[in-house]
Amino acid sequence: EIHIAMTDLMARRLTGENTISWRDPTPQTKQMISG
């Protein structure tokens, strides 16, 4: 159970970071995309 909980937390962190970066891209990424 502990192992499953650890992997679940890691998965949540990864998904959370991905969703945050996708929803609110940093100004640096916007500048890179615009060139």
PDB file of N, CA and C in Angstrom:
ATOM      1  N   GLU A   1       0.845  -1.209   0.000  1.00  0.00           N
ATOM      2  CA  GLU A   1       0.000   0.000   0.000  1.00  0.00           C
ATOM      3  C   GLU A   1       0.878   1.257   0.000  1.00  0.00           C
ATOM      4  N   ILE A   2       1.940   1.219   0.789  1.00  0.00           N
ATOM      5  CA  ILE A   2       2.818   2.398   0.847  1.00  0.00           C
ATOM      6  C   ILE A   2       3.416   2.668  -0.534  1.00  0.00           C
ATOM      7  N   HIS A   3       3.865   1.596  -1.195  1.00  0.00           N
ATOM      8  CA  HIS A   3       4.473   1.779  -2.516  1.00  0.00           C
ATOM      9  C   HIS A   3       3.466   2.393  -3.485  1.00  0.00           C
ATOM     10  N   ILE A   4       2.236   1.910  -3.449  1.00  0.00           N
ATOM     11  CA  ILE A   4       1.199   2.444  -4.338  1.00  0.00           C
ATOM     12  C   ILE A   4       0.957   3.924  -4.036  1.00  0.00           C
ATOM     13  N   ALA A   5       0.929   4.268  -2.765  1.00  0.00           N
ATOM     14  CA  ALA A   5       0.695   5.662  -2.389  1.00  0.00           C
ATOM     15  C   ALA A   5       1.827   6.542  -2.912  1.00  0.00           C
ATOM     16  N   MET A   6       3.060   6.065  -2.800  1.00  0.00           N
ATOM     17  CA  MET A   6       4.202   6.857  -3.273  1.00  0.00           C
ATOM     18  C   MET A   6       4.103   7.088  -4.775  1.00  0.00           C
ATOM     19  N   THR A   7       3.808   6.028  -5.520  1.00  0.00           N
ATOM     20  CA  THR A   7       3.709   6.179  -6.975  1.00  0.00           C
ATOM     21  C   THR A   7       2.547   7.104  -7.326  1.00  0.00           C
ATOM     22  N   ASP A   8       1.458   7.032  -6.582  1.00  0.00           N
ATOM     23  CA  ASP A   8       0.303   7.890  -6.848  1.00  0.00           C
ATOM     24  C   ASP A   8       0.679   9.350  -6.640  1.00  0.00           C
ATOM     25  N   LEU A   9       1.399   9.637  -5.554  1.00  0.00           N
ATOM     26  CA  LEU A   9       1.821  11.013  -5.298  1.00  0.00           C
ATOM     27  C   LEU A   9       2.728  11.500  -6.418  1.00  0.00           C
ATOM     28  N   MET A  10       3.665  10.657  -6.842  1.00  0.00           N
ATOM     29  CA  MET A  10       4.576  11.052  -7.921  1.00  0.00           C
ATOM     30  C   MET A  10       3.786  11.332  -9.194  1.00  0.00           C
ATOM     31  N   ALA A  11       2.830  10.465  -9.492  1.00  0.00           N
ATOM     32  CA  ALA A  11       2.021  10.657 -10.700  1.00  0.00           C
ATOM     33  C   ALA A  11       1.247  11.968 -10.608  1.00  0.00           C
ATOM     34  N   ARG A  12       0.683  12.243  -9.444  1.00  0.00           N
ATOM     35  CA  ARG A  12      -0.076  13.496  -9.282  1.00  0.00           C
ATOM     36  C   ARG A  12       0.835  14.696  -9.483  1.00  0.00           C
ATOM     37  N   ARG A  13       2.055  14.634  -8.928  1.00  0.00           N
ATOM     38  CA  ARG A  13       2.988  15.754  -9.088  1.00  0.00           C
ATOM     39  C   ARG A  13       3.304  15.963 -10.564  1.00  0.00           C
ATOM     40  N   LEU A  14       3.586  14.862 -11.272  1.00  0.00           N
ATOM     41  CA  LEU A  14       3.937  14.984 -12.692  1.00  0.00           C
ATOM     42  C   LEU A  14       2.764  15.554 -13.474  1.00  0.00           C
ATOM     43  N   THR A  15       1.574  15.006 -13.268  1.00  0.00           N
ATOM     44  CA  THR A  15       0.407  15.483 -14.007  1.00  0.00           C
ATOM     45  C   THR A  15       0.106  16.932 -13.626  1.00  0.00           C
ATOM     46  N   GLY A  16       0.248  17.271 -12.358  1.00  0.00           N
ATOM     47  CA  GLY A  16      -0.019  18.638 -11.923  1.00  0.00           C
ATOM     48  C   GLY A  16       0.928  19.615 -12.592  1.00  0.00           C
ATOM     49  N   GLU A  17       2.218  19.276 -12.627  1.00  0.00           N
ATOM     50  CA  GLU A  17       3.182  20.172 -13.257  1.00  0.00           C
ATOM     51  C   GLU A  17       2.872  20.320 -14.738  1.00  0.00           C
ATOM     52  N   ASN A  18       2.528  19.215 -15.394  1.00  0.00           N
ATOM     53  CA  ASN A  18       2.250  19.268 -16.827  1.00  0.00           C
ATOM     54  C   ASN A  18       1.021  20.134 -17.100  1.00  0.00           C
ATOM     55  N   THR A  19      -0.044  19.946 -16.327  1.00  0.00           N
ATOM     56  CA  THR A  19      -1.266  20.708 -16.563  1.00  0.00           C
ATOM     57  C   THR A  19      -1.020  22.188 -16.301  1.00  0.00           C
ATOM     58  N   ILE A  20      -0.267  22.507 -15.255  1.00  0.00           N
ATOM     59  CA  ILE A  20      -0.003  23.911 -14.932  1.00  0.00           C
ATOM     60  C   ILE A  20       0.787  24.564 -16.063  1.00  0.00           C
ATOM     61  N   SER A  21       1.844  23.898 -16.529  1.00  0.00           N
ATOM     62  CA  SER A  21       2.671  24.472 -17.590  1.00  0.00           C
ATOM     63  C   SER A  21       1.869  24.587 -18.885  1.00  0.00           C
ATOM     64  N   TRP A  22       0.909  23.661 -19.085  1.00  0.00           N
ATOM     65  CA  TRP A  22       0.131  23.696 -20.320  1.00  0.00           C
ATOM     66  C   TRP A  22      -0.932  24.796 -20.244  1.00  0.00           C
ATOM     67  N   ARG A  23      -1.563  24.933 -19.106  1.00  0.00           N
ATOM     68  CA  ARG A  23      -2.617  25.945 -18.975  1.00  0.00           C
ATOM     69  C   ARG A  23      -2.025  27.352 -18.908  1.00  0.00           C
ATOM     70  N   ASP A  24      -1.000  27.531 -18.084  1.00  0.00           N
ATOM     71  CA  ASP A  24      -0.404  28.859 -17.918  1.00  0.00           C
ATOM     72  C   ASP A  24       1.070  28.825 -18.290  1.00  0.00           C
ATOM     73  N   PRO A  25       1.391  28.903 -19.576  1.00  0.00           N
ATOM     74  CA  PRO A  25       2.791  28.894 -19.996  1.00  0.00           C
ATOM     75  C   PRO A  25       3.510  30.138 -19.496  1.00  0.00           C
ATOM     76  N   THR A  26       4.756  29.990 -19.121  1.00  0.00           N
ATOM     77  CA  THR A  26       5.521  31.118 -18.594  1.00  0.00           C
ATOM     78  C   THR A  26       5.805  32.113 -19.718  1.00  0.00           C
ATOM     79  N   PRO A  27       6.007  33.371 -19.400  1.00  0.00           N
ATOM     80  CA  PRO A  27       6.304  34.394 -20.423  1.00  0.00           C
ATOM     81  C   PRO A  27       7.489  33.980 -21.289  1.00  0.00           C
ATOM     82  N   GLN A  28       8.449  33.265 -20.720  1.00  0.00           N
ATOM     83  CA  GLN A  28       9.611  32.830 -21.494  1.00  0.00           C
ATOM     84  C   GLN A  28       9.170  31.923 -22.630  1.00  0.00           C
ATOM     85  N   THR A  29       8.272  30.989 -22.354  1.00  0.00           N
ATOM     86  CA  THR A  29       7.814  30.080 -23.408  1.00  0.00           C
ATOM     87  C   THR A  29       7.062  30.863 -24.475  1.00  0.00           C
ATOM     88  N   LYS A  30       6.259  31.833 -24.079  1.00  0.00           N
ATOM     89  CA  LYS A  30       5.519  32.629 -25.055  1.00  0.00           C
ATOM     90  C   LYS A  30       6.501  33.361 -25.968  1.00  0.00           C
ATOM     91  N   GLN A  31       7.557  33.935 -25.400  1.00  0.00           N
ATOM     92  CA  GLN A  31       8.545  34.642 -26.203  1.00  0.00           C
ATOM     93  C   GLN A  31       9.222  33.685 -27.173  1.00  0.00           C
ATOM     94  N   MET A  32       9.561  32.472 -26.695  1.00  0.00           N
ATOM     95  CA  MET A  32      10.220  31.492 -27.558  1.00  0.00           C
ATOM     96  C   MET A  32       9.304  31.106 -28.716  1.00  0.00           C
ATOM     97  N   ILE A  33       8.026  30.909 -28.434  1.00  0.00           N
ATOM     98  CA  ILE A  33       7.082  30.507 -29.483  1.00  0.00           C
ATOM     99  C   ILE A  33       6.918  31.638 -30.505  1.00  0.00           C
ATOM    100  N   SER A  34       6.788  32.873 -30.028  1.00  0.00           N
ATOM    101  CA  SER A  34       6.597  33.995 -30.940  1.00  0.00           C
ATOM    102  C   SER A  34       7.892  34.292 -31.693  1.00  0.00           C
ATOM    103  N   GLY A  35       9.041  33.894 -31.131  1.00  0.00           N
ATOM    104  CA  GLY A  35      10.309  34.116 -31.802  1.00  0.00           C
ATOM    105  C   GLY A  35      10.927  35.395 -31.318  1.00  0.00           C
TER     106      GLY A  35
END
